[in-house]
Amino acid sequence: MHVILFLSFSSLEWLALVVLMFTMFRFQLRDYAGQLLFTAFLLSLFSYVVFHTLQIKLAFTLLQPPVVFLFLWQIYRIQPFYAGLMTTYGYLAYLLVQKSVLFAVYRLGLSPVEVLYVTWKGAAVQCATAAIAFLAAYLFGKYRLGYTFVPDSVFAPVHWNRLNVTLLVLSLIGYGIVAVSGHDMYESGSMPLLLLFMTGGIMGVLLRLALKKEESSARRAFGMHKMMREHGRTEKKPPA
């Protein structure tokens, strides 16, 4: 029963994370429904192995993002640079929700032992976090928010200009914040608040850079479209 409960609530959280990640980048969820459910289940199995088989709870946030990255790259066939961006953006967004919920319940007097293990209070926290993430994903989809610059080919070229290099560096910093976030979950002192502010700060910067990337991609697409139209006008029409 313990295993079933863990996998059930873990799958729910993983599904909320990947759905939020995909809607942030305007992927059509109906095209990936089966894959998303299967991915959430496999990631929950991975979490169980890390938590209960290997007993390395404090390293789970270090190990999970690379696995998500591999899923995006090898299963969903997203170009590695953009798969890395999606992983960091999705994790930071979900982490921001999770930290906010944990900070609130800690202020209410609950201890980490009560909310981070398989208890009804822990399940309630997981459900609340997932519900907020699903709501955010729903709003992204309803109001057509998010970014469209992620290409649909694993072989799409990446131009290492200043913007992309900055995105890469800040994404690695974001991964660093995610990696150390597992430690503060097991205490209710000042560390969760500090990580909450750090997560919000790096997320704000990355969202601003993503907006610049979106504008840059739109200008490039418009320029290529204009060039193709002009090239079409200069071509000689074949004789009738």
C-alpha atoms as a PDB file:
ATOM      1  CA  MET A   1       0.000   0.000   0.000  1.00  0.00           C
ATOM      2  CA  HIS A   2       2.864   2.345   0.809  1.00  0.00           C
ATOM      3  CA  VAL A   3       4.335   1.863  -2.671  1.00  0.00           C
ATOM      4  CA  ILE A   4       0.973   2.439  -4.363  1.00  0.00           C
ATOM      5  CA  LEU A   5       0.362   5.642  -2.409  1.00  0.00           C
ATOM      6  CA  PHE A   6       3.844   6.964  -3.130  1.00  0.00           C
ATOM      7  CA  LEU A   7       3.618   6.214  -6.853  1.00  0.00           C
ATOM      8  CA  SER A   8       0.118   7.686  -7.091  1.00  0.00           C
ATOM      9  CA  PHE A   9       0.903  11.054  -5.531  1.00  0.00           C
ATOM     10  CA  SER A  10       4.370  11.198  -7.062  1.00  0.00           C
ATOM     11  CA  SER A  11       2.892  10.550 -10.530  1.00  0.00           C
ATOM     12  CA  LEU A  12       0.388  13.345  -9.922  1.00  0.00           C
ATOM     13  CA  GLU A  13       3.156  15.810  -9.120  1.00  0.00           C
ATOM     14  CA  TRP A  14       5.293  14.698 -12.039  1.00  0.00           C
ATOM     15  CA  LEU A  15       2.353  15.014 -14.401  1.00  0.00           C
ATOM     16  CA  ALA A  16       1.683  18.529 -13.100  1.00  0.00           C
ATOM     17  CA  LEU A  17       5.333  19.464 -13.643  1.00  0.00           C
ATOM     18  CA  VAL A  18       5.606  18.184 -17.214  1.00  0.00           C
ATOM     19  CA  VAL A  19       2.187  19.588 -18.175  1.00  0.00           C
ATOM     20  CA  LEU A  20       3.215  22.994 -16.832  1.00  0.00           C
ATOM     21  CA  MET A  21       6.523  22.728 -18.673  1.00  0.00           C
ATOM     22  CA  PHE A  22       4.875  21.857 -21.987  1.00  0.00           C
ATOM     23  CA  THR A  23       2.232  24.568 -21.748  1.00  0.00           C
ATOM     24  CA  MET A  24       4.891  27.169 -20.940  1.00  0.00           C
ATOM     25  CA  PHE A  25       6.307  26.466 -24.384  1.00  0.00           C
ATOM     26  CA  ARG A  26       2.974  26.168 -26.175  1.00  0.00           C
ATOM     27  CA  PHE A  27       3.097  22.432 -26.909  1.00  0.00           C
ATOM     28  CA  GLN A  28      -0.275  20.904 -27.751  1.00  0.00           C
ATOM     29  CA  LEU A  29      -0.958  18.555 -24.852  1.00  0.00           C
ATOM     30  CA  ARG A  30      -3.456  16.448 -26.786  1.00  0.00           C
ATOM     31  CA  ASP A  31      -0.627  15.404 -29.116  1.00  0.00           C
ATOM     32  CA  TYR A  32       1.351  13.997 -26.181  1.00  0.00           C
ATOM     33  CA  ALA A  33      -1.354  12.789 -23.771  1.00  0.00           C
ATOM     34  CA  GLY A  34      -0.243   9.149 -23.601  1.00  0.00           C
ATOM     35  CA  GLN A  35       3.438  10.027 -23.504  1.00  0.00           C
ATOM     36  CA  LEU A  36       2.925  12.528 -20.685  1.00  0.00           C
ATOM     37  CA  LEU A  37       1.073   9.998 -18.536  1.00  0.00           C
ATOM     38  CA  PHE A  38       3.708   7.322 -19.182  1.00  0.00           C
ATOM     39  CA  THR A  39       6.500   9.811 -18.475  1.00  0.00           C
ATOM     40  CA  ALA A  40       4.923  10.813 -15.157  1.00  0.00           C
ATOM     41  CA  PHE A  41       4.668   7.161 -14.111  1.00  0.00           C
ATOM     42  CA  LEU A  42       8.257   6.345 -15.078  1.00  0.00           C
ATOM     43  CA  LEU A  43       9.558   9.426 -13.260  1.00  0.00           C
ATOM     44  CA  SER A  44       7.599   8.440 -10.166  1.00  0.00           C
ATOM     45  CA  LEU A  45       9.278   5.013 -10.301  1.00  0.00           C
ATOM     46  CA  PHE A  46      12.633   6.753 -10.553  1.00  0.00           C
ATOM     47  CA  SER A  47      11.742   8.887  -7.512  1.00  0.00           C
ATOM     48  CA  TYR A  48      10.805   5.778  -5.548  1.00  0.00           C
ATOM     49  CA  VAL A  49      14.143   4.176  -6.349  1.00  0.00           C
ATOM     50  CA  VAL A  50      16.009   7.323  -5.279  1.00  0.00           C
ATOM     51  CA  PHE A  51      13.988   7.807  -2.096  1.00  0.00           C
ATOM     52  CA  HIS A  52      13.433   4.286  -0.828  1.00  0.00           C
ATOM     53  CA  THR A  53      15.780   1.905  -2.637  1.00  0.00           C
ATOM     54  CA  LEU A  54      18.971   3.974  -2.791  1.00  0.00           C
ATOM     55  CA  GLN A  55      18.057   6.069   0.286  1.00  0.00           C
ATOM     56  CA  ILE A  56      19.607   9.279  -1.098  1.00  0.00           C
ATOM     57  CA  LYS A  57      16.784  11.714  -0.363  1.00  0.00           C
ATOM     58  CA  LEU A  58      18.984  14.823  -0.209  1.00  0.00           C
ATOM     59  CA  ALA A  59      20.312  14.198  -3.756  1.00  0.00           C
ATOM     60  CA  PHE A  60      16.970  13.710  -5.485  1.00  0.00           C
ATOM     61  CA  THR A  61      16.773  17.284  -6.805  1.00  0.00           C
ATOM     62  CA  LEU A  62      20.307  16.873  -8.137  1.00  0.00           C
ATOM     63  CA  LEU A  63      19.479  13.673 -10.023  1.00  0.00           C
ATOM     64  CA  GLN A  64      15.958  14.296 -11.310  1.00  0.00           C
ATOM     65  CA  PRO A  65      16.493  17.257 -13.719  1.00  0.00           C
ATOM     66  CA  PRO A  66      19.092  15.405 -15.852  1.00  0.00           C
ATOM     67  CA  VAL A  67      16.640  12.500 -16.187  1.00  0.00           C
ATOM     68  CA  VAL A  68      13.869  14.886 -17.278  1.00  0.00           C
ATOM     69  CA  PHE A  69      16.306  16.429 -19.756  1.00  0.00           C
ATOM     70  CA  LEU A  70      17.038  12.983 -21.221  1.00  0.00           C
ATOM     71  CA  PHE A  71      13.299  12.297 -21.553  1.00  0.00           C
ATOM     72  CA  LEU A  72      12.774  15.546 -23.469  1.00  0.00           C
ATOM     73  CA  TRP A  73      15.780  14.943 -25.687  1.00  0.00           C
ATOM     74  CA  GLN A  74      15.544  11.243 -26.424  1.00  0.00           C
ATOM     75  CA  ILE A  75      11.810  10.529 -26.145  1.00  0.00           C
ATOM     76  CA  TYR A  76      10.188  13.806 -27.176  1.00  0.00           C
ATOM     77  CA  ARG A  77      13.033  14.548 -29.639  1.00  0.00           C
ATOM     78  CA  ILE A  78      13.619  18.140 -28.555  1.00  0.00           C
ATOM     79  CA  GLN A  79      16.940  19.719 -29.499  1.00  0.00           C
ATOM     80  CA  PRO A  80      19.334  19.393 -26.486  1.00  0.00           C
ATOM     81  CA  PHE A  81      19.816  23.129 -25.899  1.00  0.00           C
ATOM     82  CA  TYR A  82      16.073  23.723 -25.838  1.00  0.00           C
ATOM     83  CA  ALA A  83      15.433  20.547 -23.851  1.00  0.00           C
ATOM     84  CA  GLY A  84      17.765  21.948 -21.214  1.00  0.00           C
ATOM     85  CA  LEU A  85      15.927  25.275 -21.223  1.00  0.00           C
ATOM     86  CA  MET A  86      12.550  23.564 -20.894  1.00  0.00           C
ATOM     87  CA  THR A  87      13.821  21.435 -18.004  1.00  0.00           C
ATOM     88  CA  THR A  88      15.132  24.427 -16.076  1.00  0.00           C
ATOM     89  CA  TYR A  89      12.096  26.624 -16.742  1.00  0.00           C
ATOM     90  CA  GLY A  90       9.655  23.869 -15.840  1.00  0.00           C
ATOM     91  CA  TYR A  91      11.506  22.863 -12.692  1.00  0.00           C
ATOM     92  CA  LEU A  92      11.904  26.435 -11.460  1.00  0.00           C
ATOM     93  CA  ALA A  93       8.239  27.201 -12.099  1.00  0.00           C
ATOM     94  CA  TYR A  94       7.104  24.106 -10.213  1.00  0.00           C
ATOM     95  CA  LEU A  95       9.672  24.679  -7.487  1.00  0.00           C
ATOM     96  CA  LEU A  96       8.368  28.212  -7.005  1.00  0.00           C
ATOM     97  CA  VAL A  97       4.869  26.818  -6.444  1.00  0.00           C
ATOM     98  CA  GLN A  98       6.137  24.047  -4.188  1.00  0.00           C
ATOM     99  CA  LYS A  99       8.289  26.367  -2.066  1.00  0.00           C
ATOM    100  CA  SER A 100       5.383  28.760  -1.633  1.00  0.00           C
ATOM    101  CA  VAL A 101       3.099  25.962  -0.436  1.00  0.00           C
ATOM    102  CA  LEU A 102       5.741  24.521   1.906  1.00  0.00           C
ATOM    103  CA  PHE A 103       6.556  27.936   3.339  1.00  0.00           C
ATOM    104  CA  ALA A 104       2.851  28.499   4.020  1.00  0.00           C
ATOM    105  CA  VAL A 105       2.338  25.152   5.764  1.00  0.00           C
ATOM    106  CA  TYR A 106       5.515  25.578   7.803  1.00  0.00           C
ATOM    107  CA  ARG A 107       4.235  28.947   8.986  1.00  0.00           C
ATOM    108  CA  LEU A 108       1.042  27.177  10.048  1.00  0.00           C
ATOM    109  CA  GLY A 109       3.098  25.059  12.411  1.00  0.00           C
ATOM    110  CA  LEU A 110       3.490  21.821  10.475  1.00  0.00           C
ATOM    111  CA  SER A 111       6.904  20.156  10.477  1.00  0.00           C
ATOM    112  CA  PRO A 112       8.790  18.768   7.465  1.00  0.00           C
ATOM    113  CA  VAL A 113       8.280  15.224   8.799  1.00  0.00           C
ATOM    114  CA  GLU A 114       4.506  15.731   8.641  1.00  0.00           C
ATOM    115  CA  VAL A 115       4.382  16.997   5.054  1.00  0.00           C
ATOM    116  CA  LEU A 116       7.304  15.339   3.223  1.00  0.00           C
ATOM    117  CA  TYR A 117       6.511  11.709   3.897  1.00  0.00           C
ATOM    118  CA  VAL A 118       3.604   9.437   3.018  1.00  0.00           C
ATOM    119  CA  THR A 119       1.013  10.902   5.404  1.00  0.00           C
ATOM    120  CA  TRP A 120      -2.375  12.440   4.709  1.00  0.00           C
ATOM    121  CA  LYS A 121      -0.870  15.891   5.376  1.00  0.00           C
ATOM    122  CA  GLY A 122       1.935  15.199   2.923  1.00  0.00           C
ATOM    123  CA  ALA A 123      -0.569  13.986   0.335  1.00  0.00           C
ATOM    124  CA  ALA A 124      -2.614  17.157   0.837  1.00  0.00           C
ATOM    125  CA  VAL A 125       0.471  19.307   0.233  1.00  0.00           C
ATOM    126  CA  GLN A 126       1.315  17.340  -2.904  1.00  0.00           C
ATOM    127  CA  CYS A 127      -2.248  17.682  -4.198  1.00  0.00           C
ATOM    128  CA  ALA A 128      -2.300  21.426  -3.451  1.00  0.00           C
ATOM    129  CA  THR A 129       1.000  21.965  -5.260  1.00  0.00           C
ATOM    130  CA  ALA A 130      -0.124  19.920  -8.263  1.00  0.00           C
ATOM    131  CA  ALA A 131      -3.496  21.694  -8.369  1.00  0.00           C
ATOM    132  CA  ILE A 132      -1.828  25.122  -8.517  1.00  0.00           C
ATOM    133  CA  ALA A 133       0.495  23.903 -11.287  1.00  0.00           C
ATOM    134  CA  PHE A 134      -2.437  22.474 -13.270  1.00  0.00           C
ATOM    135  CA  LEU A 135      -4.312  25.755 -12.832  1.00  0.00           C
ATOM    136  CA  ALA A 136      -1.319  27.706 -14.117  1.00  0.00           C
ATOM    137  CA  ALA A 137      -1.044  25.344 -17.095  1.00  0.00           C
ATOM    138  CA  TYR A 138      -4.760  25.782 -17.798  1.00  0.00           C
ATOM    139  CA  LEU A 139      -4.398  29.569 -17.778  1.00  0.00           C
ATOM    140  CA  PHE A 140      -1.379  29.351 -20.079  1.00  0.00           C
ATOM    141  CA  GLY A 141      -3.436  27.342 -22.538  1.00  0.00           C
ATOM    142  CA  LYS A 142      -6.644  29.339 -22.231  1.00  0.00           C
ATOM    143  CA  TYR A 143      -5.022  32.731 -22.780  1.00  0.00           C
ATOM    144  CA  ARG A 144      -2.404  31.425 -25.230  1.00  0.00           C
ATOM    145  CA  LEU A 145       0.506  32.471 -23.059  1.00  0.00           C
ATOM    146  CA  GLY A 146       3.987  31.044 -23.187  1.00  0.00           C
ATOM    147  CA  TYR A 147       6.801  30.834 -25.708  1.00  0.00           C
ATOM    148  CA  THR A 148       6.996  29.362 -29.194  1.00  0.00           C
ATOM    149  CA  PHE A 149      10.729  29.554 -29.933  1.00  0.00           C
ATOM    150  CA  VAL A 150      11.429  25.869 -29.198  1.00  0.00           C
ATOM    151  CA  PRO A 151      11.881  24.184 -32.611  1.00  0.00           C
ATOM    152  CA  ASP A 152      10.132  20.938 -33.482  1.00  0.00           C
ATOM    153  CA  SER A 153      13.280  19.193 -34.688  1.00  0.00           C
ATOM    154  CA  VAL A 154      16.022  17.567 -32.638  1.00  0.00           C
ATOM    155  CA  PHE A 155      18.478  18.633 -35.347  1.00  0.00           C
ATOM    156  CA  ALA A 156      17.601  22.351 -35.230  1.00  0.00           C
ATOM    157  CA  PRO A 157      20.772  24.467 -35.212  1.00  0.00           C
ATOM    158  CA  VAL A 158      21.611  26.710 -32.277  1.00  0.00           C
ATOM    159  CA  HIS A 159      23.319  30.041 -32.919  1.00  0.00           C
ATOM    160  CA  TRP A 160      25.640  30.768 -29.998  1.00  0.00           C
ATOM    161  CA  ASN A 161      24.982  34.455 -29.812  1.00  0.00           C
ATOM    162  CA  ARG A 162      25.049  36.470 -26.611  1.00  0.00           C
ATOM    163  CA  LEU A 163      21.400  35.802 -25.788  1.00  0.00           C
ATOM    164  CA  ASN A 164      21.668  32.026 -26.124  1.00  0.00           C
ATOM    165  CA  VAL A 165      24.890  31.888 -24.134  1.00  0.00           C
ATOM    166  CA  THR A 166      23.280  33.977 -21.393  1.00  0.00           C
ATOM    167  CA  LEU A 167      20.253  31.680 -21.389  1.00  0.00           C
ATOM    168  CA  LEU A 168      22.533  28.652 -21.080  1.00  0.00           C
ATOM    169  CA  VAL A 169      24.541  30.117 -18.198  1.00  0.00           C
ATOM    170  CA  LEU A 170      21.468  31.233 -16.271  1.00  0.00           C
ATOM    171  CA  SER A 171      19.796  27.885 -16.908  1.00  0.00           C
ATOM    172  CA  LEU A 172      22.788  26.162 -15.327  1.00  0.00           C
ATOM    173  CA  ILE A 173      22.524  28.537 -12.360  1.00  0.00           C
ATOM    174  CA  GLY A 174      18.827  27.706 -12.169  1.00  0.00           C
ATOM    175  CA  TYR A 175      19.688  24.004 -12.147  1.00  0.00           C
ATOM    176  CA  GLY A 176      22.099  24.699  -9.298  1.00  0.00           C
ATOM    177  CA  ILE A 177      19.266  26.271  -7.294  1.00  0.00           C
ATOM    178  CA  VAL A 178      17.059  23.275  -8.038  1.00  0.00           C
ATOM    179  CA  ALA A 179      19.868  20.878  -7.076  1.00  0.00           C
ATOM    180  CA  VAL A 180      20.317  22.374  -3.587  1.00  0.00           C
ATOM    181  CA  SER A 181      16.601  22.858  -2.992  1.00  0.00           C
ATOM    182  CA  GLY A 182      16.213  19.330  -1.668  1.00  0.00           C
ATOM    183  CA  HIS A 183      18.130  20.217   1.487  1.00  0.00           C
ATOM    184  CA  ASP A 184      15.874  23.031   2.677  1.00  0.00           C
ATOM    185  CA  MET A 185      12.713  20.927   2.335  1.00  0.00           C
ATOM    186  CA  TYR A 186      13.683  19.071   5.490  1.00  0.00           C
ATOM    187  CA  GLU A 187      13.835  22.169   7.679  1.00  0.00           C
ATOM    188  CA  SER A 188      11.359  24.916   8.508  1.00  0.00           C
ATOM    189  CA  GLY A 189      13.780  27.724   9.355  1.00  0.00           C
ATOM    190  CA  SER A 190      14.964  30.631   7.208  1.00  0.00           C
ATOM    191  CA  MET A 191      16.452  28.510   4.407  1.00  0.00           C
ATOM    192  CA  PRO A 192      13.103  27.784   2.660  1.00  0.00           C
ATOM    193  CA  LEU A 193      12.361  31.537   2.494  1.00  0.00           C
ATOM    194  CA  LEU A 194      15.828  32.253   1.101  1.00  0.00           C
ATOM    195  CA  LEU A 195      15.453  29.559  -1.570  1.00  0.00           C
ATOM    196  CA  LEU A 196      11.984  30.884  -2.376  1.00  0.00           C
ATOM    197  CA  PHE A 197      13.401  34.351  -3.104  1.00  0.00           C
ATOM    198  CA  MET A 198      16.339  32.916  -5.049  1.00  0.00           C
ATOM    199  CA  THR A 199      14.003  30.764  -7.150  1.00  0.00           C
ATOM    200  CA  GLY A 200      11.699  33.698  -7.850  1.00  0.00           C
ATOM    201  CA  GLY A 201      14.622  35.954  -8.742  1.00  0.00           C
ATOM    202  CA  ILE A 202      16.293  33.615 -11.235  1.00  0.00           C
ATOM    203  CA  MET A 203      12.895  32.692 -12.670  1.00  0.00           C
ATOM    204  CA  GLY A 204      12.079  36.359 -13.259  1.00  0.00           C
ATOM    205  CA  VAL A 205      15.358  36.932 -15.100  1.00  0.00           C
ATOM    206  CA  LEU A 206      14.898  33.800 -17.207  1.00  0.00           C
ATOM    207  CA  LEU A 207      11.340  34.785 -18.131  1.00  0.00           C
ATOM    208  CA  ARG A 208      12.587  38.178 -19.264  1.00  0.00           C
ATOM    209  CA  LEU A 209      15.300  36.563 -21.388  1.00  0.00           C
ATOM    210  CA  ALA A 210      12.769  34.118 -22.823  1.00  0.00           C
ATOM    211  CA  LEU A 211      10.672  37.087 -23.921  1.00  0.00           C
ATOM    212  CA  LYS A 212      13.700  38.537 -25.707  1.00  0.00           C
ATOM    213  CA  LYS A 213      14.325  35.144 -27.297  1.00  0.00           C
ATOM    214  CA  GLU A 214      10.702  35.020 -28.455  1.00  0.00           C
ATOM    215  CA  GLU A 215      10.991  38.475 -30.026  1.00  0.00           C
ATOM    216  CA  SER A 216      14.293  37.547 -31.674  1.00  0.00           C
ATOM    217  CA  SER A 217      12.826  34.351 -33.123  1.00  0.00           C
ATOM    218  CA  ALA A 218       9.787  36.260 -34.417  1.00  0.00           C
ATOM    219  CA  ARG A 219      11.999  38.833 -36.148  1.00  0.00           C
ATOM    220  CA  ARG A 220      14.105  36.089 -37.707  1.00  0.00           C
ATOM    221  CA  ALA A 221      11.026  34.244 -38.955  1.00  0.00           C
ATOM    222  CA  PHE A 222       9.577  37.458 -40.379  1.00  0.00           C
ATOM    223  CA  GLY A 223      12.874  38.260 -42.107  1.00  0.00           C
ATOM    224  CA  MET A 224      13.062  34.803 -43.693  1.00  0.00           C
ATOM    225  CA  HIS A 225       9.445  35.045 -44.835  1.00  0.00           C
ATOM    226  CA  LYS A 226      10.073  38.470 -46.360  1.00  0.00           C
ATOM    227  CA  MET A 227      13.220  37.253 -48.105  1.00  0.00           C
ATOM    228  CA  MET A 228      11.363  34.277 -49.582  1.00  0.00           C
ATOM    229  CA  ARG A 229       8.573  36.524 -50.844  1.00  0.00           C
ATOM    230  CA  GLU A 230      11.041  38.916 -52.437  1.00  0.00           C
ATOM    231  CA  HIS A 231      12.936  36.019 -53.972  1.00  0.00           C
ATOM    232  CA  GLY A 232       9.670  34.703 -55.397  1.00  0.00           C
ATOM    233  CA  ARG A 233       8.922  38.032 -57.064  1.00  0.00           C
ATOM    234  CA  THR A 234      12.316  38.156 -58.783  1.00  0.00           C
ATOM    235  CA  GLU A 235      12.038  34.661 -60.226  1.00  0.00           C
ATOM    236  CA  LYS A 236      10.952  34.585 -63.848  1.00  0.00           C
ATOM    237  CA  LYS A 237       7.616  33.031 -64.480  1.00  0.00           C
ATOM    238  CA  PRO A 238       7.656  30.026 -66.816  1.00  0.00           C
ATOM    239  CA  PRO A 239       6.104  30.601 -70.231  1.00  0.00           C
ATOM    240  CA  ALA A 240       2.396  29.867 -70.442  1.00  0.00           C
END
